[in-house]
Amino acid sequence: MPQITYFAFASAFVSLVVVFYVRSTTQWRARTLGRPLPPGPNPLPILGNMLNMPRSRPWIVYRDLSHALGDIIHLHVLGQHIVVLGSAQAIYEYLEKRSANTSDRVQSPMIELSGSSLNIAFMPYGQWWRRHRRSFWQYFHREATEGYKNTQQSAAHIFLQELWERPSDLREVIRLNFTAVIMKIGYDIPIQSKDDPYLKIVRDALEGPLEGLVPGRFLVDFLPFLRRIPPWFPFAASQRLWVKWQAAGERLKNTPFEEAKAKLARGETTHSIVANSLERLSNTGISSPEEEEIVKNVGAIVLSTMLSVFTGMSLHPEVLTKAHAELDAVIGPHRLPDFSDKDSLVYVNAIIKEAMRWHTVLPMGVPHATIADDEFRGYFIPAGTMVIPNTWACMHDPEVYEDPDVFRPERFIRDGKLNPTVQDPTAFSFGFGRRICPGRHFAEAVVFINVACALHVFNITPPLGEDGLPIEVKQGHTDSFLSYPEDVRCTIKPRSATAEALIRSHATAARQALNG
């Protein structure tokens, strides 16, 4: 009798498996209408392509896969479909022309665990995202950013003095600069010192997104139950990181906002995005936690591009020589560049474009997600598929950019003007379709004024060792969501006594302006 029961149970179980398989296969075929998934590595049972997911520099691994399989590749990991687009044409056709169905975001657990859940870039597509974007856009569209240029220019002048005084601390000096601009414009909080507590708040809050948002780096993206493991549990190092990152994100969101709100409550005269927004909400009688959350989400990151410029200048003195020649001819020795000079500084603009291409800020972009089942180039793309644009591969495509690993601004110039026929890296640096970054005009302005001013007054050369000989600088990217040059060591010195005088006088006036 027990034997009969065992065989009956086994038969019933096998029958259920067969029925489930047949039903799933039938439903899948009806859903796909016979269309295949894009090509990809052969998956394993249950695990799928989990072992194919690169943990380090995925943009290079996916580039190599695209060379072998084509510019649309598919992976499947524990139920999650992933499509990687490996060419500019594929990205344009799918994320730009088909943005109505590709504007969602996969709600990875790491978005919340890295402290990024209220970042507009990672919100799911829908009404809540539209409200945030509308609120953000009214302060950061092209015309609105014109009103921030005085603050951006003052911060650039302070940046020059800080860089002169602390040339070996390039990364932190640049971070101080863009933090000062954001805090002044967003909250009317002046930041002029490397010891300012708000600088630490920003630095801590950036760690989570930088380290945690590379697709596939943390298993919790595919096994969400891992987030439930308590941080005190043995071997729960990742869980302890997540607690730290979430706390840092909350501090960045709340601390400056509460200070700006307190100033307004005390009746202090303040001019900032937060103050203007709160006054508007008060006047319209709308003041809810949701509306205040929208007001808190402001910011932009320009660190990677500026670091790339300095690295490029130290490695390619011929480029810096040409930049100096253009700046001397257009600006002269007795003033600093301003925004009115932008169109005349063709070579400086080409340097910025080349820096964005050479060291791609978002090498894998920000992943999109499909809203409904779709077809692309004859392939079936299921709803909810994570769509990753390999922007690094596009920026290093030898068919588009000759010698892509070489820093060569001239590739963007023809007949003394910027060449519109060359693929523009800015089209890949700020996102695609309906998810394009609404702060791009602000970020581009910050980069331009800082780069133009710095190149005008500084010589930038390779770092020197104790023997006085140049040290070889490593060319590479940090392995993170936002990628920076790995080795940013260089020697930075004023070009002349006249340049030193310009730095001093403009920095003094700029500090007074930002404190006013």
Protein backbone atom coordinates (compact mmCIF):
# COMPACT_ATOMS: atom_id res chain seq x y z
CA MET A 1 0.00 0.00 0.00
CA PRO A 2 2.74 2.54 0.83
CA GLN A 3 4.43 1.67 -2.47
CA ILE A 4 1.18 2.27 -4.38
CA THR A 5 0.72 5.59 -2.55
CA TYR A 6 4.27 6.64 -3.44
CA PHE A 7 3.81 5.85 -7.14
CA ALA A 8 0.43 7.55 -7.19
CA PHE A 9 1.92 10.68 -5.64
CA ALA A 10 4.87 10.64 -8.05
CA SER A 11 2.58 10.18 -11.03
CA ALA A 12 0.34 13.02 -9.89
CA PHE A 13 3.35 15.30 -9.39
CA VAL A 14 4.80 14.50 -12.84
CA SER A 15 1.37 15.06 -14.38
CA LEU A 16 1.11 18.46 -12.72
CA VAL A 17 4.57 19.42 -13.98
CA VAL A 18 3.68 18.35 -17.51
CA VAL A 19 0.37 20.24 -17.39
CA PHE A 20 2.09 23.34 -16.03
CA TYR A 21 4.81 23.12 -18.71
CA VAL A 22 2.32 22.63 -21.54
CA ARG A 23 0.12 25.45 -20.28
CA SER A 24 3.06 27.84 -19.82
CA THR A 25 4.46 26.97 -23.25
CA THR A 26 1.08 27.44 -24.90
CA GLN A 27 0.55 30.81 -23.18
CA TRP A 28 4.08 31.95 -24.10
CA ARG A 29 3.60 30.99 -27.75
CA ALA A 30 0.27 32.80 -27.84
CA ARG A 31 1.88 35.84 -26.28
CA THR A 32 4.92 35.95 -28.54
CA LEU A 33 3.03 35.00 -31.74
CA GLY A 34 6.05 32.95 -32.64
CA ARG A 35 8.47 35.85 -32.43
CA PRO A 36 11.86 34.95 -30.90
CA LEU A 37 13.59 36.73 -28.07
CA PRO A 38 16.77 38.59 -29.05
CA PRO A 39 19.94 36.46 -29.12
CA GLY A 40 21.95 36.02 -25.95
CA PRO A 41 24.14 33.64 -23.95
CA ASN A 42 22.63 30.19 -23.38
CA PRO A 43 20.72 30.21 -20.06
CA LEU A 44 20.94 27.58 -17.34
CA PRO A 45 17.82 25.93 -15.88
CA ILE A 46 16.23 28.05 -13.13
CA LEU A 47 19.23 30.39 -12.84
CA GLY A 48 18.97 31.58 -16.42
CA ASN A 49 21.89 33.89 -17.24
CA MET A 50 22.78 34.74 -13.64
CA LEU A 51 26.32 33.48 -14.12
CA ASN A 52 26.66 35.60 -17.27
CA MET A 53 25.92 38.84 -15.41
CA PRO A 54 29.21 40.79 -15.21
CA ARG A 55 30.15 42.05 -11.75
CA SER A 56 32.90 44.34 -13.04
CA ARG A 57 32.91 46.83 -15.94
CA PRO A 58 29.75 45.43 -17.55
CA TRP A 59 29.93 47.92 -20.43
CA ILE A 60 32.99 46.11 -21.80
CA VAL A 61 31.48 42.63 -21.36
CA TYR A 62 28.26 43.68 -23.10
CA ARG A 63 30.21 45.41 -25.86
CA ASP A 64 32.02 42.15 -26.57
CA LEU A 65 28.72 40.21 -26.53
CA SER A 66 27.23 42.70 -28.99
CA HIS A 67 30.18 42.19 -31.33
CA ALA A 68 29.45 38.46 -31.29
CA LEU A 69 25.63 38.44 -31.26
CA GLY A 70 24.46 41.81 -32.59
CA ASP A 71 23.45 45.16 -31.12
CA ILE A 72 20.39 43.74 -29.32
CA ILE A 73 21.19 41.02 -26.79
CA HIS A 74 18.91 39.29 -24.28
CA LEU A 75 19.53 37.81 -20.85
CA HIS A 76 17.09 36.22 -18.42
CA VAL A 77 17.83 36.10 -14.70
CA LEU A 78 15.37 34.55 -12.23
CA GLY A 79 12.31 35.78 -14.11
CA GLN A 80 13.71 39.19 -15.12
CA HIS A 81 14.17 39.80 -18.84
CA ILE A 82 17.09 42.08 -19.73
CA VAL A 83 17.84 43.59 -23.13
CA VAL A 84 21.12 45.44 -23.76
CA LEU A 85 21.27 47.86 -26.70
CA GLY A 86 24.81 48.03 -28.04
CA SER A 87 24.69 50.68 -30.77
CA ALA A 88 23.59 54.29 -31.15
CA GLN A 89 21.13 53.25 -33.87
CA ALA A 90 19.46 50.62 -31.66
CA ILE A 91 19.21 53.09 -28.76
CA TYR A 92 17.70 55.78 -30.96
CA GLU A 93 15.22 53.43 -32.62
CA TYR A 94 13.97 51.90 -29.37
CA LEU A 95 14.41 54.42 -26.53
CA GLU A 96 13.80 57.60 -28.54
CA LYS A 97 11.32 56.65 -31.27
CA ARG A 98 9.45 54.13 -29.08
CA SER A 99 9.59 56.09 -25.81
CA ALA A 100 5.83 55.75 -25.19
CA ASN A 101 6.49 52.11 -24.28
CA THR A 102 10.07 52.33 -22.98
CA SER A 103 9.88 55.15 -20.43
CA ASP A 104 9.27 53.06 -17.33
CA ARG A 105 11.91 52.03 -14.78
CA VAL A 106 12.43 48.56 -13.34
CA GLN A 107 11.76 48.97 -9.63
CA SER A 108 14.89 47.26 -8.41
CA PRO A 109 15.19 46.89 -4.62
CA MET A 110 18.58 48.63 -4.90
CA ILE A 111 16.88 51.93 -5.85
CA GLU A 112 15.45 52.17 -2.34
CA LEU A 113 18.35 50.45 -0.60
CA SER A 114 20.88 52.85 -2.12
CA GLY A 115 18.91 55.85 -0.86
CA SER A 116 17.65 56.80 -4.35
CA SER A 117 13.91 56.11 -4.16
CA LEU A 118 12.93 59.79 -4.40
CA ASN A 119 15.32 60.58 -7.25
CA ILE A 120 13.23 61.55 -10.27
CA ALA A 121 15.55 59.56 -12.54
CA PHE A 122 14.52 56.26 -10.93
CA MET A 123 10.79 56.79 -10.39
CA PRO A 124 8.38 54.55 -12.29
CA TYR A 125 6.65 56.18 -15.23
CA GLY A 126 3.26 57.56 -14.29
CA GLN A 127 1.42 60.42 -12.58
CA TRP A 128 3.79 60.68 -9.61
CA TRP A 129 6.80 60.94 -11.93
CA ARG A 130 5.00 63.55 -14.09
CA ARG A 131 4.31 65.71 -11.04
CA HIS A 132 7.94 65.58 -9.97
CA ARG A 133 9.22 66.30 -13.46
CA ARG A 134 6.79 69.21 -13.93
CA SER A 135 7.92 70.73 -10.62
CA PHE A 136 11.59 70.23 -11.51
CA TRP A 137 11.24 71.47 -15.07
CA GLN A 138 9.82 74.86 -14.12
CA TYR A 139 13.13 75.69 -12.42
CA PHE A 140 15.54 73.97 -14.80
CA HIS A 141 14.33 74.48 -18.36
CA ARG A 142 16.68 76.40 -20.65
CA GLU A 143 15.22 79.87 -20.00
CA ALA A 144 15.01 79.32 -16.22
CA THR A 145 18.69 78.38 -15.96
CA GLU A 146 19.66 81.80 -17.35
CA GLY A 147 18.78 83.19 -13.91
CA TYR A 148 21.38 80.97 -12.22
CA LYS A 149 24.39 82.05 -14.26
CA ASN A 150 25.60 84.72 -11.83
CA THR A 151 25.69 82.14 -9.05
CA GLN A 152 27.38 79.58 -11.32
CA GLN A 153 30.01 82.11 -12.35
CA SER A 154 30.71 83.20 -8.76
CA ALA A 155 31.11 79.57 -7.72
CA ALA A 156 33.51 79.04 -10.65
CA HIS A 157 35.67 81.94 -9.46
CA ILE A 158 35.85 80.46 -5.95
CA PHE A 159 36.66 77.10 -7.54
CA LEU A 160 39.77 78.64 -9.14
CA GLN A 161 41.11 79.83 -5.79
CA GLU A 162 40.35 76.51 -4.08
CA LEU A 163 42.08 74.64 -6.90
CA TRP A 164 45.13 76.92 -6.68
CA GLU A 165 45.37 76.35 -2.94
CA ARG A 166 44.61 72.59 -3.03
CA PRO A 167 45.70 71.29 -6.46
CA SER A 168 46.31 67.78 -5.14
CA ASP A 169 42.70 67.52 -3.97
CA LEU A 170 41.09 67.95 -7.39
CA ARG A 171 38.16 65.59 -6.85
CA GLU A 172 37.06 67.23 -3.60
CA VAL A 173 37.51 70.75 -4.95
CA ILE A 174 35.19 69.98 -7.86
CA ARG A 175 32.68 68.36 -5.50
CA LEU A 176 32.81 71.50 -3.34
CA ASN A 177 32.07 73.61 -6.41
CA PHE A 178 28.94 71.85 -7.63
CA THR A 179 27.68 71.35 -4.06
CA ALA A 180 28.02 75.10 -3.49
CA VAL A 181 26.05 75.87 -6.65
CA ILE A 182 23.26 73.42 -5.83
CA MET A 183 22.92 74.50 -2.20
CA LYS A 184 22.88 78.20 -3.06
CA ILE A 185 20.35 77.92 -5.88
CA GLY A 186 18.26 75.19 -4.30
CA TYR A 187 18.25 76.29 -0.66
CA ASP A 188 20.09 79.66 -0.41
CA ILE A 189 22.72 77.97 1.78
CA PRO A 190 26.25 79.29 1.07
CA ILE A 191 29.06 76.71 1.10
CA GLN A 192 32.60 78.00 0.71
CA SER A 193 34.75 75.72 2.84
CA LYS A 194 35.97 72.14 2.49
CA ASP A 195 34.95 71.65 6.14
CA ASP A 196 31.31 72.61 5.61
CA PRO A 197 29.04 69.86 7.01
CA TYR A 198 26.82 69.97 3.93
CA LEU A 199 29.74 68.83 1.79
CA LYS A 200 29.98 65.65 3.88
CA ILE A 201 26.22 65.12 3.61
CA VAL A 202 26.45 65.24 -0.20
CA ARG A 203 29.55 63.01 -0.29
CA ASP A 204 27.88 60.37 1.90
CA ALA A 205 24.63 60.48 -0.09
CA LEU A 206 26.44 59.90 -3.40
CA GLU A 207 28.09 56.69 -2.22
CA GLY A 208 24.91 54.59 -2.39
CA PRO A 209 23.89 55.40 -5.98
CA LEU A 210 27.48 55.22 -7.23
CA GLU A 211 28.17 51.78 -5.78
CA GLY A 212 24.71 50.24 -5.64
CA LEU A 213 23.00 50.99 -8.94
CA VAL A 214 25.20 49.05 -11.37
CA PRO A 215 22.69 46.49 -12.77
CA GLY A 216 23.36 43.01 -11.40
CA ARG A 217 26.01 43.98 -8.87
CA PHE A 218 23.84 42.98 -5.88
CA LEU A 219 21.90 39.68 -5.87
CA VAL A 220 18.99 41.41 -4.14
CA ASP A 221 18.06 42.78 -7.58
CA PHE A 222 17.02 39.21 -8.50
CA LEU A 223 16.35 37.73 -5.03
CA PRO A 224 14.36 40.48 -3.27
CA PHE A 225 13.92 38.44 -0.09
CA LEU A 226 17.60 39.13 0.72
CA ARG A 227 16.63 42.64 1.79
CA ARG A 228 14.74 41.09 4.73
CA ILE A 229 17.93 39.73 6.30
CA PRO A 230 18.66 41.92 9.34
CA PRO A 231 21.92 43.94 9.28
CA TRP A 232 23.13 42.32 12.52
CA PHE A 233 23.02 38.87 10.89
CA PRO A 234 26.43 37.19 10.32
CA PHE A 235 27.86 37.85 6.84
CA ALA A 236 25.24 40.57 6.24
CA ALA A 237 27.80 43.16 5.08
CA SER A 238 25.56 44.27 2.20
CA GLN A 239 22.62 44.80 4.54
CA ARG A 240 24.74 47.04 6.76
CA LEU A 241 25.77 49.05 3.70
CA TRP A 242 22.13 49.51 2.69
CA VAL A 243 21.17 50.89 6.12
CA LYS A 244 24.04 53.38 5.87
CA TRP A 245 23.12 54.46 2.34
CA GLN A 246 19.44 54.94 3.14
CA ALA A 247 20.26 57.08 6.17
CA ALA A 248 22.62 59.23 4.05
CA GLY A 249 19.91 59.72 1.42
CA GLU A 250 17.45 60.85 4.07
CA ARG A 251 19.95 63.37 5.47
CA LEU A 252 20.53 64.90 2.03
CA LYS A 253 16.81 65.11 1.41
CA ASN A 254 15.79 66.55 4.77
CA THR A 255 18.61 68.57 6.34
CA PRO A 256 18.98 71.43 3.80
CA PHE A 257 15.24 71.43 3.18
CA GLU A 258 14.45 71.94 6.86
CA GLU A 259 17.01 74.75 7.11
CA ALA A 260 15.49 76.57 4.15
CA LYS A 261 12.00 76.04 5.57
CA ALA A 262 13.09 77.41 8.97
CA LYS A 263 14.54 80.54 7.34
CA LEU A 264 11.23 81.16 5.64
CA ALA A 265 9.33 80.64 8.89
CA ARG A 266 11.56 83.21 10.63
CA GLY A 267 10.69 85.75 7.95
CA GLU A 268 14.23 85.93 6.55
CA THR A 269 14.54 87.15 2.98
CA THR A 270 15.68 84.21 0.93
CA HIS A 271 15.84 83.49 -2.79
CA SER A 272 15.94 79.80 -3.61
CA ILE A 273 14.00 77.12 -5.41
CA VAL A 274 12.76 75.64 -2.13
CA ALA A 275 11.67 79.02 -0.71
CA ASN A 276 9.85 79.96 -3.92
CA SER A 277 8.14 76.58 -4.05
CA LEU A 278 7.04 76.66 -0.43
CA GLU A 279 5.67 80.16 -0.83
CA ARG A 280 3.75 79.05 -3.89
CA LEU A 281 2.33 76.06 -2.06
CA SER A 282 1.37 78.27 0.88
CA ASN A 283 -0.34 80.84 -1.34
CA THR A 284 -2.32 78.20 -3.19
CA GLY A 285 -3.31 76.45 0.02
CA ILE A 286 -1.61 73.23 -1.11
CA SER A 287 0.83 71.90 1.44
CA SER A 288 1.06 68.17 1.86
CA PRO A 289 3.96 65.83 2.56
CA GLU A 290 3.74 64.69 -1.08
CA GLU A 291 4.11 68.23 -2.42
CA GLU A 292 7.04 68.91 -0.10
CA GLU A 293 8.75 65.72 -1.30
CA ILE A 294 8.54 67.08 -4.87
CA VAL A 295 10.20 70.34 -3.78
CA LYS A 296 13.10 68.49 -2.15
CA ASN A 297 14.25 66.75 -5.32
CA VAL A 298 16.80 69.05 -6.95
CA GLY A 299 20.40 68.42 -7.99
CA ALA A 300 22.88 67.75 -10.78
CA ILE A 301 26.28 66.01 -11.00
CA VAL A 302 29.08 67.34 -13.17
CA LEU A 303 32.06 65.80 -11.38
CA SER A 304 32.98 63.14 -13.95
CA THR A 305 33.19 65.47 -16.96
CA MET A 306 35.36 68.01 -15.15
CA LEU A 307 37.71 65.31 -13.85
CA SER A 308 37.99 63.99 -17.40
CA VAL A 309 38.96 67.44 -18.67
CA PHE A 310 41.79 67.77 -16.16
CA THR A 311 42.99 64.22 -16.83
CA GLY A 312 42.89 64.82 -20.58
CA MET A 313 44.83 68.06 -20.28
CA SER A 314 47.59 66.46 -18.20
CA LEU A 315 47.96 63.60 -20.67
CA HIS A 316 47.76 65.73 -23.83
CA PRO A 317 49.71 68.99 -23.50
CA GLU A 318 49.11 69.76 -27.18
CA VAL A 319 45.38 70.02 -26.45
CA LEU A 320 45.97 72.43 -23.56
CA THR A 321 48.27 74.54 -25.75
CA LYS A 322 45.49 74.91 -28.34
CA ALA A 323 42.96 75.75 -25.62
CA HIS A 324 45.28 78.44 -24.22
CA ALA A 325 45.75 79.91 -27.69
CA GLU A 326 42.00 80.17 -28.24
CA LEU A 327 41.35 81.64 -24.79
CA ASP A 328 44.15 84.18 -25.15
CA ALA A 329 42.79 85.27 -28.54
CA VAL A 330 39.14 85.54 -27.46
CA ILE A 331 39.43 86.57 -23.80
CA GLY A 332 42.85 88.17 -23.40
CA PRO A 333 44.95 88.16 -20.23
CA HIS A 334 43.02 90.67 -18.12
CA ARG A 335 39.63 89.05 -17.55
CA LEU A 336 38.02 85.64 -17.04
CA PRO A 337 35.66 83.94 -19.51
CA ASP A 338 31.94 84.39 -19.01
CA PHE A 339 28.85 82.87 -20.59
CA SER A 340 28.78 85.45 -23.39
CA ASP A 341 32.04 83.93 -24.68
CA LYS A 342 30.62 80.41 -25.11
CA ASP A 343 29.92 80.52 -28.84
CA SER A 344 33.38 81.99 -29.55
CA LEU A 345 35.25 79.27 -27.64
CA VAL A 346 34.89 76.50 -30.22
CA TYR A 347 37.91 74.47 -29.08
CA VAL A 348 36.93 74.68 -25.39
CA ASN A 349 33.46 73.38 -26.28
CA ALA A 350 35.08 70.57 -28.27
CA ILE A 351 37.22 69.66 -25.24
CA ILE A 352 34.08 69.34 -23.11
CA LYS A 353 32.39 67.13 -25.70
CA GLU A 354 35.48 64.96 -25.98
CA ALA A 355 35.73 64.65 -22.18
CA MET A 356 32.12 63.45 -22.03
CA ARG A 357 32.82 60.91 -24.78
CA TRP A 358 36.26 59.74 -23.61
CA HIS A 359 35.21 59.05 -20.02
CA THR A 360 31.51 58.26 -20.32
CA VAL A 361 29.73 59.52 -17.20
CA LEU A 362 26.93 56.90 -17.28
CA PRO A 363 28.55 53.96 -19.10
CA MET A 364 25.37 51.86 -18.91
CA GLY A 365 22.92 54.76 -18.80
CA VAL A 366 19.91 54.51 -16.49
CA PRO A 367 18.02 51.31 -17.36
CA HIS A 368 14.55 51.73 -18.89
CA ALA A 369 11.69 49.25 -18.71
CA THR A 370 8.98 48.30 -21.18
CA ILE A 371 5.39 49.02 -20.17
CA ALA A 372 3.72 46.45 -22.44
CA ASP A 373 4.74 43.52 -24.63
CA ASP A 374 6.55 44.84 -27.68
CA GLU A 375 8.28 43.89 -30.90
CA PHE A 376 11.58 45.39 -32.04
CA ARG A 377 13.33 44.39 -35.26
CA GLY A 378 11.28 41.19 -35.31
CA TYR A 379 12.21 40.21 -31.75
CA PHE A 380 9.70 39.83 -28.91
CA ILE A 381 10.34 42.13 -25.93
CA PRO A 382 8.16 41.18 -22.92
CA ALA A 383 6.50 43.78 -20.71
CA GLY A 384 8.69 44.70 -17.74
CA THR A 385 11.93 44.00 -19.60
CA MET A 386 14.91 45.97 -18.29
CA VAL A 387 16.39 47.83 -21.28
CA ILE A 388 20.01 48.89 -20.79
CA PRO A 389 21.66 51.34 -23.23
CA ASN A 390 25.39 50.63 -23.47
CA THR A 391 26.35 54.28 -23.87
CA TRP A 392 30.04 53.56 -23.29
CA ALA A 393 30.08 51.25 -26.33
CA CYS A 394 28.43 53.97 -28.42
CA MET A 395 31.00 56.56 -27.31
CA HIS A 396 33.86 54.18 -28.13
CA ASP A 397 32.58 52.84 -31.43
CA PRO A 398 35.55 52.97 -33.87
CA GLU A 399 33.13 53.22 -36.80
CA VAL A 400 31.86 56.52 -35.38
CA TYR A 401 34.96 57.88 -33.62
CA GLU A 402 38.34 57.11 -35.12
CA ASP A 403 40.83 55.95 -32.44
CA PRO A 404 38.14 56.09 -29.72
CA ASP A 405 40.60 55.63 -26.83
CA VAL A 406 42.54 58.76 -27.84
CA PHE A 407 41.59 62.17 -26.36
CA ARG A 408 41.15 64.24 -29.52
CA PRO A 409 38.82 67.29 -29.37
CA GLU A 410 39.52 68.06 -33.04
CA ARG A 411 37.14 65.27 -34.04
CA PHE A 412 34.24 67.63 -33.23
CA ILE A 413 35.53 70.59 -35.32
CA ARG A 414 35.29 71.28 -39.03
CA ASP A 415 36.25 74.54 -40.73
CA GLY A 416 36.71 76.31 -37.40
CA LYS A 417 33.22 75.43 -36.14
CA LEU A 418 31.66 72.59 -34.18
CA ASN A 419 30.80 69.86 -36.66
CA PRO A 420 27.07 69.00 -36.42
CA THR A 421 27.53 65.79 -38.40
CA VAL A 422 29.61 64.14 -35.66
CA GLN A 423 27.61 62.18 -33.09
CA ASP A 424 27.22 64.48 -30.07
CA PRO A 425 28.12 62.82 -26.73
CA THR A 426 25.65 65.07 -24.87
CA ALA A 427 22.86 63.17 -26.64
CA PHE A 428 23.97 60.08 -24.67
CA SER A 429 25.01 61.69 -21.37
CA PHE A 430 21.59 62.93 -20.25
CA GLY A 431 19.26 60.05 -21.06
CA PHE A 432 16.77 59.22 -23.79
CA GLY A 433 13.18 59.80 -24.81
CA ARG A 434 10.77 60.98 -22.15
CA ARG A 435 13.34 60.17 -19.45
CA ILE A 436 15.91 62.70 -20.65
CA CYS A 437 17.46 64.55 -17.69
CA PRO A 438 15.51 67.79 -17.01
CA GLY A 439 18.61 69.34 -15.42
CA ARG A 440 20.86 68.99 -18.46
CA HIS A 441 20.93 72.71 -19.36
CA PHE A 442 21.97 73.57 -15.80
CA ALA A 443 24.69 70.90 -15.79
CA GLU A 444 26.08 71.95 -19.17
CA ALA A 445 26.34 75.57 -17.98
CA VAL A 446 28.22 74.57 -14.80
CA VAL A 447 30.67 72.46 -16.78
CA PHE A 448 31.33 75.15 -19.39
CA ILE A 449 32.03 78.05 -17.03
CA ASN A 450 34.29 76.00 -14.75
CA VAL A 451 36.26 74.40 -17.57
CA ALA A 452 36.69 77.67 -19.50
CA CYS A 453 37.87 79.59 -16.43
CA ALA A 454 40.22 76.82 -15.27
CA LEU A 455 41.85 76.37 -18.68
CA HIS A 456 42.31 80.13 -18.98
CA VAL A 457 44.35 80.58 -15.79
CA PHE A 458 46.05 77.20 -15.17
CA ASN A 459 48.77 75.06 -16.65
CA ILE A 460 47.86 71.39 -16.20
CA THR A 461 50.70 68.90 -16.54
CA PRO A 462 51.40 65.29 -15.47
CA PRO A 463 52.12 64.65 -11.77
CA LEU A 464 55.75 64.57 -10.67
CA GLY A 465 57.43 61.97 -8.53
CA GLU A 466 59.96 62.56 -5.76
CA ASP A 467 62.72 62.48 -8.39
CA GLY A 468 61.04 65.34 -10.26
CA LEU A 469 60.17 63.16 -13.24
CA PRO A 470 56.60 62.79 -14.59
CA ILE A 471 54.55 59.90 -13.22
CA GLU A 472 52.56 57.75 -15.62
CA VAL A 473 48.82 58.34 -15.15
CA LYS A 474 46.58 55.29 -15.45
CA GLN A 475 43.81 55.64 -18.00
CA GLY A 476 40.67 53.90 -16.76
CA HIS A 477 37.20 54.31 -15.28
CA THR A 478 35.94 53.66 -11.79
CA ASP A 479 33.69 50.61 -11.75
CA SER A 480 30.48 52.30 -10.59
CA PHE A 481 27.08 53.53 -11.77
CA LEU A 482 28.47 57.02 -12.34
CA SER A 483 31.96 56.45 -13.67
CA TYR A 484 34.93 58.73 -13.01
CA PRO A 485 38.52 58.65 -14.26
CA GLU A 486 40.45 56.31 -11.96
CA ASP A 487 43.64 58.32 -11.72
CA VAL A 488 43.18 62.11 -11.58
CA ARG A 489 46.65 63.06 -10.36
CA CYS A 490 48.08 66.07 -12.14
CA THR A 491 50.09 69.24 -11.50
CA ILE A 492 48.03 72.44 -11.53
CA LYS A 493 49.72 75.86 -11.44
CA PRO A 494 48.71 79.39 -12.51
CA ARG A 495 50.00 80.33 -15.95
CA SER A 496 51.40 83.73 -14.87
CA ALA A 497 51.39 86.44 -12.23
CA THR A 498 48.51 88.05 -14.13
CA ALA A 499 46.53 84.82 -13.81
CA GLU A 500 47.24 84.73 -10.06
CA ALA A 501 45.91 88.28 -9.70
CA LEU A 502 42.76 87.36 -11.63
CA ILE A 503 42.13 84.38 -9.36
CA ARG A 504 42.53 86.43 -6.17
CA SER A 505 40.41 89.41 -7.17
CA HIS A 506 37.54 87.40 -8.64
CA ALA A 507 37.41 84.95 -5.73
CA THR A 508 37.11 87.77 -3.20
CA ALA A 509 34.25 89.38 -5.12
CA ALA A 510 32.57 85.98 -5.63
CA ARG A 511 32.57 85.14 -1.90
CA GLN A 512 30.90 88.46 -1.16
CA ALA A 513 28.28 87.81 -3.87
CA LEU A 514 27.40 84.34 -2.61
CA ASN A 515 27.13 85.53 0.99
CA GLY A 516 24.88 88.43 -0.01
